[in-house]
């Protein structure tokens, strides 16, 4: 019976590990803004500065499955290191130590699930970054961007309450090895949907575990 329980536990754990959270290190070099699409304006609140708003693109040197990685800034108080190869620690947002994303993960998830598909031009890319900052910082403000950007940011923020459901994405926080002199970033990967066979196997494994425990306790 102990062997049966051990086998059952191994089966269940194996299924769970296939979809478990991961963490690691990624080495990247900055490649500019995605599609060279960004807008310039001013931000205020946690930092008063003139910024270019858009989505960053990085060339991956080591530690990530894809050759490039696209990400948005989540630490508006720092400048992004854009020279050389930079190391980041990455982990899923709900297990990361970067509390600002974790504390606002519901709204972050709504923004991505509703509007990540809008990206691809300067207005939408800039508006998405500004909306993300607005979600993360209570005192965030912006000015100097063109009217289309303002309108798009307002639209993004007004629609966040209209989404509820399972996320299409996994959210990864990238924390630089030197967080005092570089920005933390957020990227996403499509969330894998377990195939029916995998779900059935997991369910069977859990059922066997319950039965084994009951028999073992007698």
C-alpha atoms as a PDB file:
ATOM      1  CA  UNK A   1       0.000   0.000   0.000  1.00  0.00           C
ATOM      2  CA  UNK A   2       2.873   2.354   0.748  1.00  0.00           C
ATOM      3  CA  UNK A   3       4.235   1.698  -2.734  1.00  0.00           C
ATOM      4  CA  UNK A   4       0.835   2.455  -4.255  1.00  0.00           C
ATOM      5  CA  UNK A   5       0.630   5.700  -2.320  1.00  0.00           C
ATOM      6  CA  UNK A   6       4.157   6.670  -3.344  1.00  0.00           C
ATOM      7  CA  UNK A   7       3.357   5.954  -6.989  1.00  0.00           C
ATOM      8  CA  UNK A   8       0.124   7.933  -6.766  1.00  0.00           C
ATOM      9  CA  UNK A   9       1.846  10.888  -5.145  1.00  0.00           C
ATOM     10  CA  UNK A  10       4.542  10.736  -7.818  1.00  0.00           C
ATOM     11  CA  UNK A  11       1.910  10.768 -10.568  1.00  0.00           C
ATOM     12  CA  UNK A  12       0.071  13.728  -9.087  1.00  0.00           C
ATOM     13  CA  UNK A  13       3.244  15.689  -8.416  1.00  0.00           C
ATOM     14  CA  UNK A  14       4.440  14.970 -11.940  1.00  0.00           C
ATOM     15  CA  UNK A  15       1.242  16.410 -13.391  1.00  0.00           C
ATOM     16  CA  UNK A  16       1.449  19.442 -11.166  1.00  0.00           C
ATOM     17  CA  UNK A  17       5.097  20.106 -11.997  1.00  0.00           C
ATOM     18  CA  UNK A  18       4.188  20.324 -15.664  1.00  0.00           C
ATOM     19  CA  UNK A  19       2.192  23.476 -14.962  1.00  0.00           C
ATOM     20  CA  UNK A  20       4.075  24.741 -11.912  1.00  0.00           C
ATOM     21  CA  UNK A  21       5.606  28.188 -11.502  1.00  0.00           C
ATOM     22  CA  UNK A  22       9.124  28.649 -12.755  1.00  0.00           C
ATOM     23  CA  UNK A  23      11.883  31.098 -11.985  1.00  0.00           C
ATOM     24  CA  UNK A  24      15.319  31.750 -13.340  1.00  0.00           C
ATOM     25  CA  UNK A  25      17.790  34.202 -14.822  1.00  0.00           C
ATOM     26  CA  UNK A  26      17.666  35.775 -18.262  1.00  0.00           C
ATOM     27  CA  UNK A  27      20.482  37.708 -19.929  1.00  0.00           C
ATOM     28  CA  UNK A  28      19.302  40.374 -22.377  1.00  0.00           C
ATOM     29  CA  UNK A  29      20.442  43.366 -24.393  1.00  0.00           C
ATOM     30  CA  UNK A  30      18.157  46.302 -25.201  1.00  0.00           C
ATOM     31  CA  UNK A  31      16.975  46.490 -28.812  1.00  0.00           C
ATOM     32  CA  UNK A  32      14.778  49.613 -28.727  1.00  0.00           C
ATOM     33  CA  UNK A  33      11.008  50.026 -28.777  1.00  0.00           C
ATOM     34  CA  UNK A  34       8.832  47.316 -30.331  1.00  0.00           C
ATOM     35  CA  UNK A  35       8.017  48.287 -33.928  1.00  0.00           C
ATOM     36  CA  UNK A  36       9.964  51.487 -33.174  1.00  0.00           C
ATOM     37  CA  UNK A  37       6.618  52.709 -31.832  1.00  0.00           C
ATOM     38  CA  UNK A  38       6.533  55.151 -28.926  1.00  0.00           C
ATOM     39  CA  UNK A  39       5.279  58.584 -27.885  1.00  0.00           C
ATOM     40  CA  UNK A  40       6.972  61.253 -25.797  1.00  0.00           C
ATOM     41  CA  UNK A  41       5.457  63.209 -22.928  1.00  0.00           C
ATOM     42  CA  UNK A  42       5.818  63.951 -19.221  1.00  0.00           C
ATOM     43  CA  UNK A  43       4.931  61.903 -16.154  1.00  0.00           C
ATOM     44  CA  UNK A  44       4.412  62.977 -12.547  1.00  0.00           C
ATOM     45  CA  UNK A  45       3.793  61.470  -9.128  1.00  0.00           C
ATOM     46  CA  UNK A  46       6.356  58.838  -8.201  1.00  0.00           C
ATOM     47  CA  UNK A  47       8.728  60.561 -10.630  1.00  0.00           C
ATOM     48  CA  UNK A  48       8.632  63.831 -12.544  1.00  0.00           C
ATOM     49  CA  UNK A  49      10.319  63.355 -15.909  1.00  0.00           C
ATOM     50  CA  UNK A  50      10.045  63.470 -19.673  1.00  0.00           C
ATOM     51  CA  UNK A  51       9.730  59.923 -20.990  1.00  0.00           C
ATOM     52  CA  UNK A  52       9.242  57.872 -24.117  1.00  0.00           C
ATOM     53  CA  UNK A  53       6.294  55.513 -23.576  1.00  0.00           C
ATOM     54  CA  UNK A  54       5.974  52.241 -25.448  1.00  0.00           C
ATOM     55  CA  UNK A  55       6.874  48.576 -25.290  1.00  0.00           C
ATOM     56  CA  UNK A  56      10.532  47.557 -25.019  1.00  0.00           C
ATOM     57  CA  UNK A  57      12.171  44.844 -27.091  1.00  0.00           C
ATOM     58  CA  UNK A  58      15.228  42.898 -25.936  1.00  0.00           C
ATOM     59  CA  UNK A  59      17.553  40.426 -27.611  1.00  0.00           C
ATOM     60  CA  UNK A  60      17.874  37.354 -25.412  1.00  0.00           C
ATOM     61  CA  UNK A  61      21.440  36.191 -24.877  1.00  0.00           C
ATOM     62  CA  UNK A  62      20.657  33.321 -22.515  1.00  0.00           C
ATOM     63  CA  UNK A  63      17.967  31.954 -20.211  1.00  0.00           C
ATOM     64  CA  UNK A  64      14.715  32.482 -22.147  1.00  0.00           C
ATOM     65  CA  UNK A  65      13.090  30.242 -24.734  1.00  0.00           C
ATOM     66  CA  UNK A  66      12.627  32.916 -27.415  1.00  0.00           C
ATOM     67  CA  UNK A  67      15.313  34.932 -29.174  1.00  0.00           C
ATOM     68  CA  UNK A  68      13.590  38.203 -28.318  1.00  0.00           C
ATOM     69  CA  UNK A  69      11.512  39.351 -25.360  1.00  0.00           C
ATOM     70  CA  UNK A  70       9.018  42.215 -25.233  1.00  0.00           C
ATOM     71  CA  UNK A  71       8.226  43.911 -21.945  1.00  0.00           C
ATOM     72  CA  UNK A  72       6.734  46.995 -20.317  1.00  0.00           C
ATOM     73  CA  UNK A  73       8.276  49.001 -17.496  1.00  0.00           C
ATOM     74  CA  UNK A  74       6.756  48.578 -14.045  1.00  0.00           C
ATOM     75  CA  UNK A  75       9.275  50.671 -12.096  1.00  0.00           C
ATOM     76  CA  UNK A  76       8.780  54.244 -13.253  1.00  0.00           C
ATOM     77  CA  UNK A  77      11.235  55.626 -10.669  1.00  0.00           C
ATOM     78  CA  UNK A  78      14.302  54.233 -12.489  1.00  0.00           C
ATOM     79  CA  UNK A  79      15.925  54.605 -15.900  1.00  0.00           C
ATOM     80  CA  UNK A  80      16.292  51.545 -18.095  1.00  0.00           C
ATOM     81  CA  UNK A  81      19.824  50.321 -18.723  1.00  0.00           C
ATOM     82  CA  UNK A  82      20.098  50.259 -22.516  1.00  0.00           C
ATOM     83  CA  UNK A  83      23.757  49.330 -23.040  1.00  0.00           C
ATOM     84  CA  UNK A  84      25.492  45.992 -22.811  1.00  0.00           C
ATOM     85  CA  UNK A  85      24.072  42.705 -21.580  1.00  0.00           C
ATOM     86  CA  UNK A  86      21.963  42.917 -18.437  1.00  0.00           C
ATOM     87  CA  UNK A  87      20.889  40.115 -16.112  1.00  0.00           C
ATOM     88  CA  UNK A  88      17.350  39.848 -14.722  1.00  0.00           C
ATOM     89  CA  UNK A  89      15.744  37.406 -12.316  1.00  0.00           C
ATOM     90  CA  UNK A  90      12.316  36.349 -13.580  1.00  0.00           C
ATOM     91  CA  UNK A  91       9.404  34.672 -11.823  1.00  0.00           C
ATOM     92  CA  UNK A  92       5.648  34.459 -12.111  1.00  0.00           C
ATOM     93  CA  UNK A  93       3.972  37.593 -10.826  1.00  0.00           C
ATOM     94  CA  UNK A  94       1.985  35.798  -8.139  1.00  0.00           C
ATOM     95  CA  UNK A  95       5.145  34.392  -6.571  1.00  0.00           C
ATOM     96  CA  UNK A  96       7.491  37.292  -7.270  1.00  0.00           C
ATOM     97  CA  UNK A  97       8.765  39.581  -4.553  1.00  0.00           C
ATOM     98  CA  UNK A  98       7.876  42.627  -6.659  1.00  0.00           C
ATOM     99  CA  UNK A  99       4.861  43.606  -4.589  1.00  0.00           C
ATOM    100  CA  UNK A 100       3.569  46.445  -6.767  1.00  0.00           C
ATOM    101  CA  UNK A 101       2.587  44.051  -9.540  1.00  0.00           C
ATOM    102  CA  UNK A 102       1.280  41.431  -7.121  1.00  0.00           C
ATOM    103  CA  UNK A 103      -0.890  43.945  -5.254  1.00  0.00           C
ATOM    104  CA  UNK A 104      -2.518  45.056  -8.503  1.00  0.00           C
ATOM    105  CA  UNK A 105      -2.486  41.797 -10.429  1.00  0.00           C
ATOM    106  CA  UNK A 106      -6.266  41.825 -10.965  1.00  0.00           C
ATOM    107  CA  UNK A 107      -6.234  45.122 -12.855  1.00  0.00           C
ATOM    108  CA  UNK A 108      -2.987  44.241 -14.609  1.00  0.00           C
ATOM    109  CA  UNK A 109      -4.580  41.015 -15.797  1.00  0.00           C
ATOM    110  CA  UNK A 110      -7.688  42.868 -16.985  1.00  0.00           C
ATOM    111  CA  UNK A 111      -5.568  45.354 -18.953  1.00  0.00           C
ATOM    112  CA  UNK A 112      -3.643  42.612 -20.721  1.00  0.00           C
ATOM    113  CA  UNK A 113      -6.607  40.350 -21.394  1.00  0.00           C
ATOM    114  CA  UNK A 114      -8.715  43.158 -22.804  1.00  0.00           C
ATOM    115  CA  UNK A 115      -6.160  45.252 -24.657  1.00  0.00           C
ATOM    116  CA  UNK A 116      -2.840  43.487 -25.210  1.00  0.00           C
ATOM    117  CA  UNK A 117      -4.092  42.547 -28.656  1.00  0.00           C
ATOM    118  CA  UNK A 118      -4.366  46.267 -29.524  1.00  0.00           C
ATOM    119  CA  UNK A 119      -0.585  46.720 -29.554  1.00  0.00           C
ATOM    120  CA  UNK A 120       1.194  47.421 -32.794  1.00  0.00           C
ATOM    121  CA  UNK A 121       1.277  51.185 -33.248  1.00  0.00           C
ATOM    122  CA  UNK A 122       2.764  54.133 -31.364  1.00  0.00           C
ATOM    123  CA  UNK A 123      -0.537  55.403 -29.918  1.00  0.00           C
ATOM    124  CA  UNK A 124      -1.684  52.089 -28.489  1.00  0.00           C
ATOM    125  CA  UNK A 125       1.749  51.024 -27.267  1.00  0.00           C
ATOM    126  CA  UNK A 126       2.248  54.317 -25.422  1.00  0.00           C
ATOM    127  CA  UNK A 127      -1.287  54.269 -24.046  1.00  0.00           C
ATOM    128  CA  UNK A 128      -0.830  50.724 -22.773  1.00  0.00           C
ATOM    129  CA  UNK A 129       2.349  51.691 -20.895  1.00  0.00           C
ATOM    130  CA  UNK A 130       0.686  54.762 -19.375  1.00  0.00           C
ATOM    131  CA  UNK A 131      -2.384  52.749 -18.389  1.00  0.00           C
ATOM    132  CA  UNK A 132      -0.157  50.128 -16.754  1.00  0.00           C
ATOM    133  CA  UNK A 133       1.631  52.816 -14.739  1.00  0.00           C
ATOM    134  CA  UNK A 134      -1.749  54.298 -13.779  1.00  0.00           C
ATOM    135  CA  UNK A 135      -2.810  50.910 -12.424  1.00  0.00           C
ATOM    136  CA  UNK A 136       0.406  50.418 -10.468  1.00  0.00           C
ATOM    137  CA  UNK A 137       0.785  53.916  -8.963  1.00  0.00           C
ATOM    138  CA  UNK A 138      -2.075  55.678  -7.186  1.00  0.00           C
ATOM    139  CA  UNK A 139      -0.509  59.111  -7.633  1.00  0.00           C
ATOM    140  CA  UNK A 140       0.572  58.689 -11.253  1.00  0.00           C
ATOM    141  CA  UNK A 141      -0.099  61.506 -13.731  1.00  0.00           C
ATOM    142  CA  UNK A 142       0.920  62.287 -17.297  1.00  0.00           C
ATOM    143  CA  UNK A 143       0.821  65.245 -19.687  1.00  0.00           C
ATOM    144  CA  UNK A 144       2.208  66.411 -23.013  1.00  0.00           C
ATOM    145  CA  UNK A 145       1.157  63.351 -25.008  1.00  0.00           C
ATOM    146  CA  UNK A 146      -1.070  63.859 -28.039  1.00  0.00           C
ATOM    147  CA  UNK A 147      -4.846  63.690 -27.820  1.00  0.00           C
ATOM    148  CA  UNK A 148      -5.090  60.196 -29.305  1.00  0.00           C
ATOM    149  CA  UNK A 149      -2.862  58.812 -26.543  1.00  0.00           C
ATOM    150  CA  UNK A 150      -4.937  60.532 -23.832  1.00  0.00           C
ATOM    151  CA  UNK A 151      -8.149  59.155 -25.303  1.00  0.00           C
ATOM    152  CA  UNK A 152      -6.764  55.637 -25.561  1.00  0.00           C
ATOM    153  CA  UNK A 153      -5.442  55.630 -21.983  1.00  0.00           C
ATOM    154  CA  UNK A 154      -8.830  56.745 -20.681  1.00  0.00           C
ATOM    155  CA  UNK A 155     -10.554  54.058 -22.739  1.00  0.00           C
ATOM    156  CA  UNK A 156      -8.223  51.353 -21.436  1.00  0.00           C
ATOM    157  CA  UNK A 157      -8.723  52.384 -17.803  1.00  0.00           C
ATOM    158  CA  UNK A 158     -12.497  52.778 -18.094  1.00  0.00           C
ATOM    159  CA  UNK A 159     -12.925  49.234 -19.411  1.00  0.00           C
ATOM    160  CA  UNK A 160     -10.911  47.367 -16.782  1.00  0.00           C
ATOM    161  CA  UNK A 161     -13.917  46.731 -14.572  1.00  0.00           C
ATOM    162  CA  UNK A 162     -15.678  44.976 -17.423  1.00  0.00           C
ATOM    163  CA  UNK A 163     -13.415  41.940 -17.455  1.00  0.00           C
ATOM    164  CA  UNK A 164     -13.631  38.869 -15.276  1.00  0.00           C
ATOM    165  CA  UNK A 165     -12.473  35.378 -15.974  1.00  0.00           C
ATOM    166  CA  UNK A 166      -9.448  33.181 -16.449  1.00  0.00           C
ATOM    167  CA  UNK A 167      -6.414  34.958 -17.820  1.00  0.00           C
ATOM    168  CA  UNK A 168      -5.032  34.111 -21.242  1.00  0.00           C
ATOM    169  CA  UNK A 169      -1.543  34.993 -19.990  1.00  0.00           C
ATOM    170  CA  UNK A 170       1.071  34.143 -17.410  1.00  0.00           C
ATOM    171  CA  UNK A 171       2.711  37.284 -16.015  1.00  0.00           C
ATOM    172  CA  UNK A 172       6.457  37.346 -15.448  1.00  0.00           C
ATOM    173  CA  UNK A 173       8.235  39.988 -13.393  1.00  0.00           C
ATOM    174  CA  UNK A 174      11.837  40.624 -14.423  1.00  0.00           C
ATOM    175  CA  UNK A 175      13.834  42.122 -11.568  1.00  0.00           C
ATOM    176  CA  UNK A 176      17.294  43.452 -12.524  1.00  0.00           C
ATOM    177  CA  UNK A 177      20.319  42.218 -10.613  1.00  0.00           C
ATOM    178  CA  UNK A 178      20.961  45.875  -9.752  1.00  0.00           C
ATOM    179  CA  UNK A 179      17.443  47.172  -8.922  1.00  0.00           C
ATOM    180  CA  UNK A 180      18.752  50.518  -7.659  1.00  0.00           C
ATOM    181  CA  UNK A 181      19.965  51.496 -11.145  1.00  0.00           C
ATOM    182  CA  UNK A 182      17.619  49.729 -13.540  1.00  0.00           C
ATOM    183  CA  UNK A 183      13.904  49.233 -14.159  1.00  0.00           C
ATOM    184  CA  UNK A 184      11.877  46.178 -13.245  1.00  0.00           C
ATOM    185  CA  UNK A 185       9.901  44.849 -16.204  1.00  0.00           C
ATOM    186  CA  UNK A 186       6.765  42.851 -16.919  1.00  0.00           C
ATOM    187  CA  UNK A 187       6.315  40.409 -19.786  1.00  0.00           C
ATOM    188  CA  UNK A 188       3.706  37.769 -20.588  1.00  0.00           C
ATOM    189  CA  UNK A 189       3.507  34.360 -22.189  1.00  0.00           C
ATOM    190  CA  UNK A 190       0.333  32.663 -23.428  1.00  0.00           C
ATOM    191  CA  UNK A 191      -1.102  30.487 -20.700  1.00  0.00           C
ATOM    192  CA  UNK A 192      -1.120  26.833 -21.674  1.00  0.00           C
ATOM    193  CA  UNK A 193      -4.539  25.182 -21.522  1.00  0.00           C
ATOM    194  CA  UNK A 194      -4.246  21.619 -20.180  1.00  0.00           C
ATOM    195  CA  UNK A 195      -5.395  19.038 -22.689  1.00  0.00           C
ATOM    196  CA  UNK A 196      -8.386  16.877 -21.659  1.00  0.00           C
ATOM    197  CA  UNK A 197      -6.122  13.837 -21.315  1.00  0.00           C
ATOM    198  CA  UNK A 198      -3.811  15.642 -18.886  1.00  0.00           C
ATOM    199  CA  UNK A 199      -6.760  16.847 -16.818  1.00  0.00           C
ATOM    200  CA  UNK A 200      -8.203  13.333 -16.712  1.00  0.00           C
ATOM    201  CA  UNK A 201      -4.846  11.919 -15.606  1.00  0.00           C
ATOM    202  CA  UNK A 202      -4.551  14.527 -12.869  1.00  0.00           C
ATOM    203  CA  UNK A 203      -8.083  13.787 -11.672  1.00  0.00           C
ATOM    204  CA  UNK A 204      -7.404  10.050 -11.646  1.00  0.00           C
ATOM    205  CA  UNK A 205      -4.188  10.581  -9.735  1.00  0.00           C
ATOM    206  CA  UNK A 206      -5.951  12.679  -7.093  1.00  0.00           C
ATOM    207  CA  UNK A 207      -8.713  10.079  -6.753  1.00  0.00           C
ATOM    208  CA  UNK A 208      -6.174   7.283  -6.324  1.00  0.00           C
ATOM    209  CA  UNK A 209      -4.382   9.337  -3.698  1.00  0.00           C
ATOM    210  CA  UNK A 210      -7.583   9.764  -1.675  1.00  0.00           C
ATOM    211  CA  UNK A 211      -8.416   6.044  -1.897  1.00  0.00           C
ATOM    212  CA  UNK A 212      -4.866   5.041  -0.946  1.00  0.00           C
ATOM    213  CA  UNK A 213      -4.845   7.298   2.063  1.00  0.00           C
ATOM    214  CA  UNK A 214      -8.169   5.929   3.303  1.00  0.00           C
ATOM    215  CA  UNK A 215      -6.971   2.338   2.978  1.00  0.00           C
ATOM    216  CA  UNK A 216      -3.621   3.096   4.561  1.00  0.00           C
ATOM    217  CA  UNK A 217      -5.279   4.746   7.565  1.00  0.00           C
ATOM    218  CA  UNK A 218      -7.327   1.656   8.373  1.00  0.00           C
END
